[in-house]
Amino acid sequence: MWEALVQLDRGRPGLADQLVDTLREAIADGRLPPGTRLPSTRALAKDLALSRGVVVEAYEQLAAEGRLLSRQGAGTVVAGLVRETVERRAADLPNRVPDQPHTLLRPGVPDFGMFPRAAWRRVYERTLMGMADAALDYGDPSGPGGCASSWPATWGGCAGRGSIRAVSW
């Protein structure tokens, strides 16, 4: 029965994600109405020829999203009023100020609004005004002081100036 509802592309990686997407769509479009009892993870895994871990992962994700209710001993059912709850919560949110950017809270991404722009601009301008015009040039492509000063003496300087000598350890 579940094979007809759940279509998985076994040639693509991410079977758990595919199962989550398929069940999420079935819940959203009403093919799995609220209160529908889903099979146990073992039974669904057997029907779909998947590992039980894949089904457990999918059920846990959908439960975390509020689309499934899972209670030990009572089975897993489609949560009621998911769409209505989401729409009601969205309607209850205050309107954002159009000029206020949406803040993303992600690990490793700083709050760019906290950057000291005014102080940075003052230091940048002070430094720029004190620089000689020649400092704004691209300069020597081999680096400051020329290539020969940056290569070890045992290599004979730059690639075009000499050959690489053997280094004895």
N, C-alpha and C. Protein backbone atom coordinates (compact mmCIF):
# COMPACT_ATOMS: atom_id res chain seq x y z
N MET A 1 0.82 -1.20 0.00
CA MET A 1 0.00 0.00 0.00
C MET A 1 0.87 1.26 0.00
N TRP A 2 1.90 1.29 0.84
CA TRP A 2 2.72 2.48 0.96
C TRP A 2 3.62 2.70 -0.24
N GLU A 3 3.88 1.64 -1.01
CA GLU A 3 4.71 1.79 -2.19
C GLU A 3 4.06 2.73 -3.20
N ALA A 4 2.72 2.74 -3.25
CA ALA A 4 2.00 3.60 -4.18
C ALA A 4 2.07 5.07 -3.74
N LEU A 5 2.10 5.30 -2.43
CA LEU A 5 2.13 6.66 -1.90
C LEU A 5 3.55 7.23 -1.89
N VAL A 6 4.52 6.38 -1.63
CA VAL A 6 5.90 6.83 -1.48
C VAL A 6 6.73 6.35 -2.66
N GLN A 7 7.18 7.29 -3.48
CA GLN A 7 8.03 6.98 -4.62
C GLN A 7 9.44 7.48 -4.31
N LEU A 8 10.40 6.56 -4.26
CA LEU A 8 11.78 6.93 -3.96
C LEU A 8 12.67 6.62 -5.15
N ASP A 9 13.61 7.50 -5.39
CA ASP A 9 14.60 7.29 -6.44
C ASP A 9 15.83 6.70 -5.79
N ARG A 10 15.97 5.42 -5.88
CA ARG A 10 17.07 4.73 -5.20
C ARG A 10 18.42 5.01 -5.83
N GLY A 11 18.43 5.59 -7.01
CA GLY A 11 19.69 5.96 -7.65
C GLY A 11 20.27 7.25 -7.08
N ARG A 12 19.45 8.01 -6.38
CA ARG A 12 19.89 9.27 -5.77
C ARG A 12 20.23 9.05 -4.31
N PRO A 13 21.23 9.71 -3.78
CA PRO A 13 21.49 9.59 -2.35
C PRO A 13 20.42 10.33 -1.54
N GLY A 14 20.37 10.06 -0.26
CA GLY A 14 19.44 10.77 0.62
C GLY A 14 18.06 10.18 0.64
N LEU A 15 17.96 8.88 0.90
CA LEU A 15 16.64 8.24 0.94
C LEU A 15 15.78 8.80 2.07
N ALA A 16 16.41 9.11 3.21
CA ALA A 16 15.64 9.67 4.33
C ALA A 16 15.04 11.02 3.94
N ASP A 17 15.83 11.86 3.26
CA ASP A 17 15.32 13.17 2.83
C ASP A 17 14.20 13.01 1.80
N GLN A 18 14.34 12.05 0.92
CA GLN A 18 13.29 11.80 -0.07
C GLN A 18 12.01 11.35 0.63
N LEU A 19 12.15 10.47 1.63
CA LEU A 19 10.98 9.99 2.36
C LEU A 19 10.31 11.14 3.11
N VAL A 20 11.12 12.00 3.74
CA VAL A 20 10.58 13.17 4.45
C VAL A 20 9.81 14.05 3.48
N ASP A 21 10.41 14.36 2.33
CA ASP A 21 9.75 15.23 1.35
C ASP A 21 8.45 14.64 0.85
N THR A 22 8.46 13.33 0.57
CA THR A 22 7.26 12.67 0.06
C THR A 22 6.14 12.68 1.10
N LEU A 23 6.46 12.35 2.35
CA LEU A 23 5.44 12.35 3.40
C LEU A 23 4.97 13.77 3.70
N ARG A 24 5.88 14.73 3.67
CA ARG A 24 5.51 16.12 3.91
C ARG A 24 4.51 16.59 2.85
N GLU A 25 4.77 16.26 1.58
CA GLU A 25 3.85 16.64 0.50
C GLU A 25 2.50 15.95 0.65
N ALA A 26 2.53 14.66 1.03
CA ALA A 26 1.28 13.92 1.20
C ALA A 26 0.44 14.52 2.32
N ILE A 27 1.09 14.98 3.38
CA ILE A 27 0.37 15.61 4.49
C ILE A 27 -0.18 16.97 4.04
N ALA A 28 0.66 17.74 3.33
CA ALA A 28 0.26 19.08 2.92
C ALA A 28 -0.90 19.08 1.94
N ASP A 29 -0.90 18.12 1.00
CA ASP A 29 -1.99 18.13 0.01
C ASP A 29 -3.19 17.28 0.42
N GLY A 30 -3.18 16.72 1.63
CA GLY A 30 -4.35 16.03 2.15
C GLY A 30 -4.43 14.55 1.83
N ARG A 31 -3.43 13.99 1.14
CA ARG A 31 -3.46 12.54 0.90
C ARG A 31 -3.29 11.77 2.21
N LEU A 32 -2.64 12.39 3.17
CA LEU A 32 -2.57 11.85 4.53
C LEU A 32 -3.24 12.86 5.46
N PRO A 33 -4.55 12.73 5.64
CA PRO A 33 -5.27 13.71 6.45
C PRO A 33 -4.91 13.59 7.94
N PRO A 34 -5.19 14.64 8.72
CA PRO A 34 -4.91 14.59 10.15
C PRO A 34 -5.59 13.39 10.81
N GLY A 35 -4.87 12.78 11.72
CA GLY A 35 -5.38 11.62 12.42
C GLY A 35 -5.04 10.29 11.76
N THR A 36 -4.50 10.32 10.55
CA THR A 36 -4.13 9.09 9.86
C THR A 36 -3.00 8.41 10.62
N ARG A 37 -3.22 7.15 10.91
CA ARG A 37 -2.20 6.38 11.64
C ARG A 37 -1.20 5.83 10.62
N LEU A 38 0.07 6.13 10.84
CA LEU A 38 1.14 5.64 9.98
C LEU A 38 1.62 4.28 10.50
N PRO A 39 2.16 3.48 9.62
CA PRO A 39 2.67 2.18 10.06
C PRO A 39 3.89 2.37 10.97
N SER A 40 4.20 1.35 11.71
CA SER A 40 5.39 1.41 12.55
C SER A 40 6.61 1.57 11.66
N THR A 41 7.68 2.01 12.25
CA THR A 41 8.91 2.20 11.47
C THR A 41 9.37 0.88 10.87
N ARG A 42 9.23 -0.20 11.62
CA ARG A 42 9.64 -1.51 11.11
C ARG A 42 8.79 -1.94 9.92
N ALA A 43 7.47 -1.74 10.05
CA ALA A 43 6.56 -2.16 8.98
C ALA A 43 6.78 -1.32 7.71
N LEU A 44 6.94 -0.01 7.86
CA LEU A 44 7.15 0.84 6.69
C LEU A 44 8.50 0.54 6.05
N ALA A 45 9.50 0.31 6.87
CA ALA A 45 10.82 -0.03 6.33
C ALA A 45 10.75 -1.33 5.53
N LYS A 46 10.00 -2.29 6.02
CA LYS A 46 9.86 -3.57 5.31
C LYS A 46 9.10 -3.38 4.00
N ASP A 47 8.00 -2.59 4.05
CA ASP A 47 7.19 -2.35 2.84
C ASP A 47 7.99 -1.63 1.75
N LEU A 48 8.83 -0.69 2.16
CA LEU A 48 9.58 0.11 1.20
C LEU A 48 10.98 -0.43 0.93
N ALA A 49 11.32 -1.53 1.57
CA ALA A 49 12.65 -2.14 1.44
C ALA A 49 13.75 -1.15 1.80
N LEU A 50 13.57 -0.49 2.94
CA LEU A 50 14.54 0.46 3.47
C LEU A 50 15.04 -0.03 4.81
N SER A 51 16.12 0.55 5.27
CA SER A 51 16.55 0.24 6.63
C SER A 51 15.63 0.97 7.59
N ARG A 52 15.48 0.41 8.77
CA ARG A 52 14.59 1.03 9.75
C ARG A 52 15.11 2.41 10.15
N GLY A 53 16.44 2.57 10.18
CA GLY A 53 17.03 3.85 10.55
C GLY A 53 16.59 4.99 9.64
N VAL A 54 16.43 4.70 8.35
CA VAL A 54 15.98 5.72 7.39
C VAL A 54 14.56 6.17 7.75
N VAL A 55 13.70 5.23 8.07
CA VAL A 55 12.31 5.57 8.40
C VAL A 55 12.25 6.29 9.74
N VAL A 56 13.05 5.84 10.71
CA VAL A 56 13.07 6.51 12.01
C VAL A 56 13.51 7.96 11.84
N GLU A 57 14.55 8.18 11.04
CA GLU A 57 15.04 9.54 10.79
C GLU A 57 13.95 10.41 10.16
N ALA A 58 13.23 9.86 9.20
CA ALA A 58 12.16 10.62 8.53
C ALA A 58 11.04 10.94 9.52
N TYR A 59 10.61 9.96 10.30
CA TYR A 59 9.55 10.20 11.28
C TYR A 59 9.97 11.25 12.30
N GLU A 60 11.22 11.17 12.77
CA GLU A 60 11.69 12.13 13.76
C GLU A 60 11.72 13.55 13.19
N GLN A 61 12.13 13.69 11.93
CA GLN A 61 12.17 15.01 11.31
C GLN A 61 10.76 15.58 11.19
N LEU A 62 9.82 14.77 10.74
CA LEU A 62 8.44 15.25 10.58
C LEU A 62 7.79 15.53 11.94
N ALA A 63 8.16 14.78 12.95
CA ALA A 63 7.65 15.06 14.30
C ALA A 63 8.23 16.38 14.81
N ALA A 64 9.51 16.62 14.52
CA ALA A 64 10.14 17.88 14.93
C ALA A 64 9.48 19.08 14.23
N GLU A 65 9.00 18.87 13.02
CA GLU A 65 8.31 19.94 12.29
C GLU A 65 6.87 20.11 12.74
N GLY A 66 6.38 19.19 13.57
CA GLY A 66 5.01 19.27 14.05
C GLY A 66 4.01 18.63 13.12
N ARG A 67 4.46 17.88 12.15
CA ARG A 67 3.56 17.24 11.19
C ARG A 67 3.10 15.87 11.64
N LEU A 68 3.88 15.23 12.51
CA LEU A 68 3.52 13.91 13.05
C LEU A 68 3.53 13.97 14.57
N LEU A 69 2.66 13.16 15.15
CA LEU A 69 2.65 12.96 16.60
C LEU A 69 3.04 11.52 16.85
N SER A 70 4.05 11.35 17.66
CA SER A 70 4.53 10.00 17.92
C SER A 70 4.58 9.78 19.42
N ARG A 71 3.87 8.72 19.88
CA ARG A 71 3.88 8.37 21.30
C ARG A 71 4.18 6.89 21.41
N GLN A 72 5.09 6.57 22.32
CA GLN A 72 5.47 5.18 22.50
C GLN A 72 4.24 4.36 22.91
N GLY A 73 4.04 3.30 22.19
CA GLY A 73 2.91 2.42 22.48
C GLY A 73 1.62 2.82 21.79
N ALA A 74 1.55 4.08 21.32
CA ALA A 74 0.33 4.56 20.67
C ALA A 74 0.53 4.73 19.17
N GLY A 75 1.74 4.57 18.69
CA GLY A 75 2.00 4.69 17.26
C GLY A 75 2.22 6.12 16.83
N THR A 76 2.29 6.31 15.53
CA THR A 76 2.54 7.62 14.94
C THR A 76 1.35 8.01 14.08
N VAL A 77 0.85 9.23 14.30
CA VAL A 77 -0.30 9.72 13.53
C VAL A 77 0.03 11.08 12.95
N VAL A 78 -0.67 11.43 11.88
CA VAL A 78 -0.52 12.75 11.28
C VAL A 78 -1.14 13.76 12.23
N ALA A 79 -0.39 14.79 12.53
CA ALA A 79 -0.86 15.82 13.45
C ALA A 79 -2.02 16.58 12.83
N GLY A 80 -2.95 16.97 13.63
CA GLY A 80 -4.10 17.72 13.15
C GLY A 80 -3.81 19.19 13.06
N LEU A 81 -4.43 19.82 12.13
CA LEU A 81 -4.41 21.28 11.99
C LEU A 81 -3.01 21.84 11.76
N VAL A 82 -2.16 21.11 11.07
CA VAL A 82 -0.81 21.61 10.83
C VAL A 82 -0.86 22.87 9.97
N ARG A 83 -1.54 22.79 8.84
CA ARG A 83 -1.61 23.92 7.93
C ARG A 83 -2.30 25.11 8.59
N GLU A 84 -3.39 24.85 9.28
CA GLU A 84 -4.12 25.92 9.92
C GLU A 84 -3.29 26.57 11.02
N THR A 85 -2.54 25.77 11.77
CA THR A 85 -1.69 26.30 12.84
C THR A 85 -0.60 27.19 12.26
N VAL A 86 0.04 26.74 11.21
CA VAL A 86 1.10 27.53 10.58
C VAL A 86 0.54 28.83 10.04
N GLU A 87 -0.61 28.77 9.36
CA GLU A 87 -1.20 29.99 8.81
C GLU A 87 -1.63 30.94 9.92
N ARG A 88 -2.18 30.39 11.01
CA ARG A 88 -2.61 31.24 12.12
C ARG A 88 -1.40 31.92 12.77
N ARG A 89 -0.32 31.15 12.97
CA ARG A 89 0.88 31.73 13.57
C ARG A 89 1.48 32.80 12.67
N ALA A 90 1.46 32.59 11.37
CA ALA A 90 1.99 33.58 10.44
C ALA A 90 1.14 34.85 10.49
N ALA A 91 -0.18 34.69 10.62
CA ALA A 91 -1.07 35.85 10.69
C ALA A 91 -0.87 36.62 11.99
N ASP A 92 -0.48 35.93 13.07
CA ASP A 92 -0.29 36.57 14.36
C ASP A 92 1.02 37.34 14.45
N LEU A 93 1.96 37.09 13.54
CA LEU A 93 3.23 37.79 13.59
C LEU A 93 3.04 39.25 13.25
N PRO A 94 3.72 40.12 13.98
CA PRO A 94 3.61 41.55 13.64
C PRO A 94 4.29 41.80 12.30
N ASN A 95 3.78 42.79 11.59
CA ASN A 95 4.40 43.15 10.31
C ASN A 95 5.78 43.72 10.58
N ARG A 96 6.75 43.22 9.82
CA ARG A 96 8.11 43.72 9.97
C ARG A 96 8.23 45.08 9.30
N VAL A 97 9.13 45.85 9.83
CA VAL A 97 9.44 47.13 9.21
C VAL A 97 10.14 46.82 7.89
N PRO A 98 9.71 47.41 6.77
CA PRO A 98 10.30 47.06 5.48
C PRO A 98 11.81 47.28 5.41
N ASP A 99 12.33 48.29 6.12
CA ASP A 99 13.76 48.58 6.06
C ASP A 99 14.58 47.62 6.92
N GLN A 100 13.92 46.90 7.81
CA GLN A 100 14.64 46.02 8.73
C GLN A 100 14.95 44.69 8.04
N PRO A 101 16.22 44.36 7.88
CA PRO A 101 16.56 43.10 7.23
C PRO A 101 16.25 41.91 8.12
N HIS A 102 15.98 40.80 7.50
CA HIS A 102 15.72 39.57 8.22
C HIS A 102 17.04 39.07 8.81
N THR A 103 17.05 38.77 10.08
CA THR A 103 18.26 38.32 10.75
C THR A 103 18.33 36.80 10.69
N LEU A 104 19.41 36.30 10.13
CA LEU A 104 19.64 34.86 10.09
C LEU A 104 20.51 34.48 11.27
N LEU A 105 20.08 33.53 12.04
CA LEU A 105 20.87 33.03 13.15
C LEU A 105 21.46 31.70 12.74
N ARG A 106 22.71 31.74 12.33
CA ARG A 106 23.39 30.53 11.91
C ARG A 106 24.75 30.48 12.58
N PRO A 107 25.20 29.30 12.94
CA PRO A 107 26.53 29.19 13.55
C PRO A 107 27.60 29.69 12.59
N GLY A 108 28.54 30.43 13.12
CA GLY A 108 29.66 30.90 12.32
C GLY A 108 29.38 32.15 11.51
N VAL A 109 28.16 32.66 11.55
CA VAL A 109 27.83 33.87 10.81
C VAL A 109 27.61 34.99 11.82
N PRO A 110 28.46 36.01 11.79
CA PRO A 110 28.33 37.08 12.78
C PRO A 110 27.12 37.96 12.50
N ASP A 111 26.77 38.76 13.50
CA ASP A 111 25.72 39.75 13.33
C ASP A 111 26.36 40.97 12.67
N PHE A 112 26.15 41.13 11.37
CA PHE A 112 26.79 42.20 10.64
C PHE A 112 26.33 43.58 11.10
N GLY A 113 25.18 43.65 11.73
CA GLY A 113 24.70 44.92 12.25
C GLY A 113 25.55 45.43 13.41
N MET A 114 26.31 44.55 14.03
CA MET A 114 27.15 44.94 15.16
C MET A 114 28.54 45.41 14.73
N PHE A 115 28.84 45.38 13.44
CA PHE A 115 30.15 45.79 12.95
C PHE A 115 30.33 47.28 13.19
N PRO A 116 31.47 47.69 13.73
CA PRO A 116 31.68 49.12 14.03
C PRO A 116 32.03 49.91 12.76
N ARG A 117 31.02 50.18 11.96
CA ARG A 117 31.25 50.83 10.67
C ARG A 117 31.88 52.22 10.79
N ALA A 118 31.37 53.00 11.71
CA ALA A 118 31.88 54.37 11.84
C ALA A 118 33.35 54.37 12.24
N ALA A 119 33.72 53.55 13.20
CA ALA A 119 35.12 53.48 13.63
C ALA A 119 35.99 52.93 12.50
N TRP A 120 35.48 51.94 11.80
CA TRP A 120 36.24 51.35 10.68
C TRP A 120 36.48 52.41 9.59
N ARG A 121 35.45 53.19 9.28
CA ARG A 121 35.58 54.21 8.25
C ARG A 121 36.59 55.27 8.66
N ARG A 122 36.57 55.69 9.94
CA ARG A 122 37.51 56.70 10.40
C ARG A 122 38.95 56.20 10.27
N VAL A 123 39.22 54.98 10.71
CA VAL A 123 40.57 54.43 10.62
C VAL A 123 40.98 54.25 9.17
N TYR A 124 40.04 53.77 8.33
CA TYR A 124 40.32 53.57 6.90
C TYR A 124 40.69 54.90 6.24
N GLU A 125 39.90 55.93 6.49
CA GLU A 125 40.16 57.23 5.88
C GLU A 125 41.47 57.82 6.37
N ARG A 126 41.74 57.71 7.66
CA ARG A 126 42.98 58.26 8.22
C ARG A 126 44.18 57.55 7.60
N THR A 127 44.11 56.23 7.46
CA THR A 127 45.20 55.46 6.87
C THR A 127 45.37 55.80 5.40
N LEU A 128 44.26 55.88 4.68
CA LEU A 128 44.31 56.17 3.25
C LEU A 128 44.88 57.56 2.98
N MET A 129 44.52 58.53 3.78
CA MET A 129 45.00 59.90 3.57
C MET A 129 46.49 60.01 3.88
N GLY A 130 47.03 59.17 4.73
CA GLY A 130 48.44 59.22 5.08
C GLY A 130 49.33 58.41 4.16
N MET A 131 48.75 57.67 3.21
CA MET A 131 49.54 56.83 2.32
C MET A 131 50.07 57.63 1.14
N ALA A 132 51.25 57.24 0.67
CA ALA A 132 51.79 57.84 -0.55
C ALA A 132 51.01 57.29 -1.74
N ASP A 133 50.95 58.05 -2.83
CA ASP A 133 50.21 57.62 -4.01
C ASP A 133 50.77 56.32 -4.57
N ALA A 134 52.09 56.15 -4.50
CA ALA A 134 52.72 54.94 -5.04
C ALA A 134 52.27 53.68 -4.29
N ALA A 135 51.81 53.83 -3.05
CA ALA A 135 51.36 52.68 -2.27
C ALA A 135 50.07 52.09 -2.82
N LEU A 136 49.37 52.86 -3.64
CA LEU A 136 48.12 52.38 -4.22
C LEU A 136 48.33 51.60 -5.51
N ASP A 137 49.58 51.57 -5.99
CA ASP A 137 49.92 50.84 -7.21
C ASP A 137 49.91 49.34 -6.91
N TYR A 138 49.76 48.54 -7.96
CA TYR A 138 49.77 47.09 -7.78
C TYR A 138 51.12 46.59 -7.30
N GLY A 139 52.18 47.23 -7.69
CA GLY A 139 53.49 46.83 -7.23
C GLY A 139 54.05 45.67 -8.02
N ASP A 140 55.19 45.18 -7.55
CA ASP A 140 55.89 44.09 -8.20
C ASP A 140 55.09 42.80 -8.04
N PRO A 141 54.75 42.10 -9.15
CA PRO A 141 53.97 40.87 -9.03
C PRO A 141 54.70 39.75 -8.30
N SER A 142 56.02 39.84 -8.20
CA SER A 142 56.74 38.79 -7.48
C SER A 142 56.82 39.09 -5.99
N GLY A 143 56.22 40.15 -5.57
CA GLY A 143 56.18 40.46 -4.15
C GLY A 143 57.16 41.55 -3.78
N PRO A 144 57.09 42.00 -2.55
CA PRO A 144 57.99 43.07 -2.12
C PRO A 144 59.44 42.56 -2.11
N GLY A 145 60.35 43.36 -2.63
CA GLY A 145 61.76 43.00 -2.66
C GLY A 145 62.13 42.10 -3.82
N GLY A 146 61.23 41.75 -4.66
CA GLY A 146 61.53 40.88 -5.80
C GLY A 146 61.49 39.43 -5.41
N CYS A 147 61.49 38.60 -6.39
CA CYS A 147 61.33 37.16 -6.19
C CYS A 147 62.55 36.54 -5.53
N ALA A 148 63.73 37.01 -5.86
CA ALA A 148 64.96 36.37 -5.36
C ALA A 148 65.04 36.40 -3.85
N SER A 149 64.50 37.44 -3.24
CA SER A 149 64.61 37.53 -1.79
C SER A 149 63.64 36.61 -1.08
N SER A 150 62.63 36.12 -1.78
CA SER A 150 61.64 35.27 -1.12
C SER A 150 61.90 33.80 -1.31
N TRP A 151 62.85 33.43 -2.20
CA TRP A 151 63.14 32.02 -2.45
C TRP A 151 64.39 31.63 -1.67
N PRO A 152 64.44 30.43 -1.19
CA PRO A 152 65.66 29.99 -0.51
C PRO A 152 66.85 30.02 -1.47
N ALA A 153 68.02 30.34 -0.95
CA ALA A 153 69.22 30.44 -1.78
C ALA A 153 69.57 29.12 -2.45
N THR A 154 69.20 28.00 -1.84
CA THR A 154 69.52 26.70 -2.43
C THR A 154 68.71 26.42 -3.68
N TRP A 155 67.65 27.19 -3.91
CA TRP A 155 66.84 26.96 -5.11
C TRP A 155 67.33 27.80 -6.27
N GLY A 156 68.26 28.63 -6.04
CA GLY A 156 68.84 29.41 -7.12
C GLY A 156 67.99 30.58 -7.56
N GLY A 157 67.21 31.16 -6.69
CA GLY A 157 66.42 32.32 -7.06
C GLY A 157 65.12 31.94 -7.74
N CYS A 158 64.62 32.81 -8.58
CA CYS A 158 63.33 32.61 -9.25
C CYS A 158 63.44 31.54 -10.32
N ALA A 159 62.33 31.00 -10.72
CA ALA A 159 62.30 29.90 -11.69
C ALA A 159 62.95 30.29 -13.00
N GLY A 160 62.82 31.55 -13.43
CA GLY A 160 63.39 31.96 -14.71
C GLY A 160 64.86 32.33 -14.62
N ARG A 161 65.38 32.52 -13.42
CA ARG A 161 66.74 33.01 -13.26
C ARG A 161 67.76 31.90 -13.08
N GLY A 162 67.36 30.75 -12.71
CA GLY A 162 68.33 29.69 -12.46
C GLY A 162 67.63 28.36 -12.34
N SER A 163 68.40 27.36 -12.14
CA SER A 163 67.79 26.05 -12.00
C SER A 163 67.74 25.67 -10.53
N ILE A 164 66.84 24.78 -10.24
CA ILE A 164 66.71 24.33 -8.86
C ILE A 164 67.84 23.34 -8.59
N ARG A 165 68.58 23.64 -7.53
CA ARG A 165 69.70 22.76 -7.17
C ARG A 165 69.20 21.72 -6.16
N ALA A 166 69.85 20.62 -6.16
CA ALA A 166 69.51 19.55 -5.22
C ALA A 166 69.86 20.02 -3.82
N VAL A 167 69.00 19.69 -2.90
CA VAL A 167 69.22 20.03 -1.52
C VAL A 167 69.62 18.77 -0.79
N SER A 168 70.75 18.79 -0.13
CA SER A 168 71.17 17.59 0.62
C SER A 168 70.75 17.75 2.07
N TRP A 169 70.12 16.78 2.57
CA TRP A 169 69.66 16.81 3.96
C TRP A 169 70.68 16.15 4.80
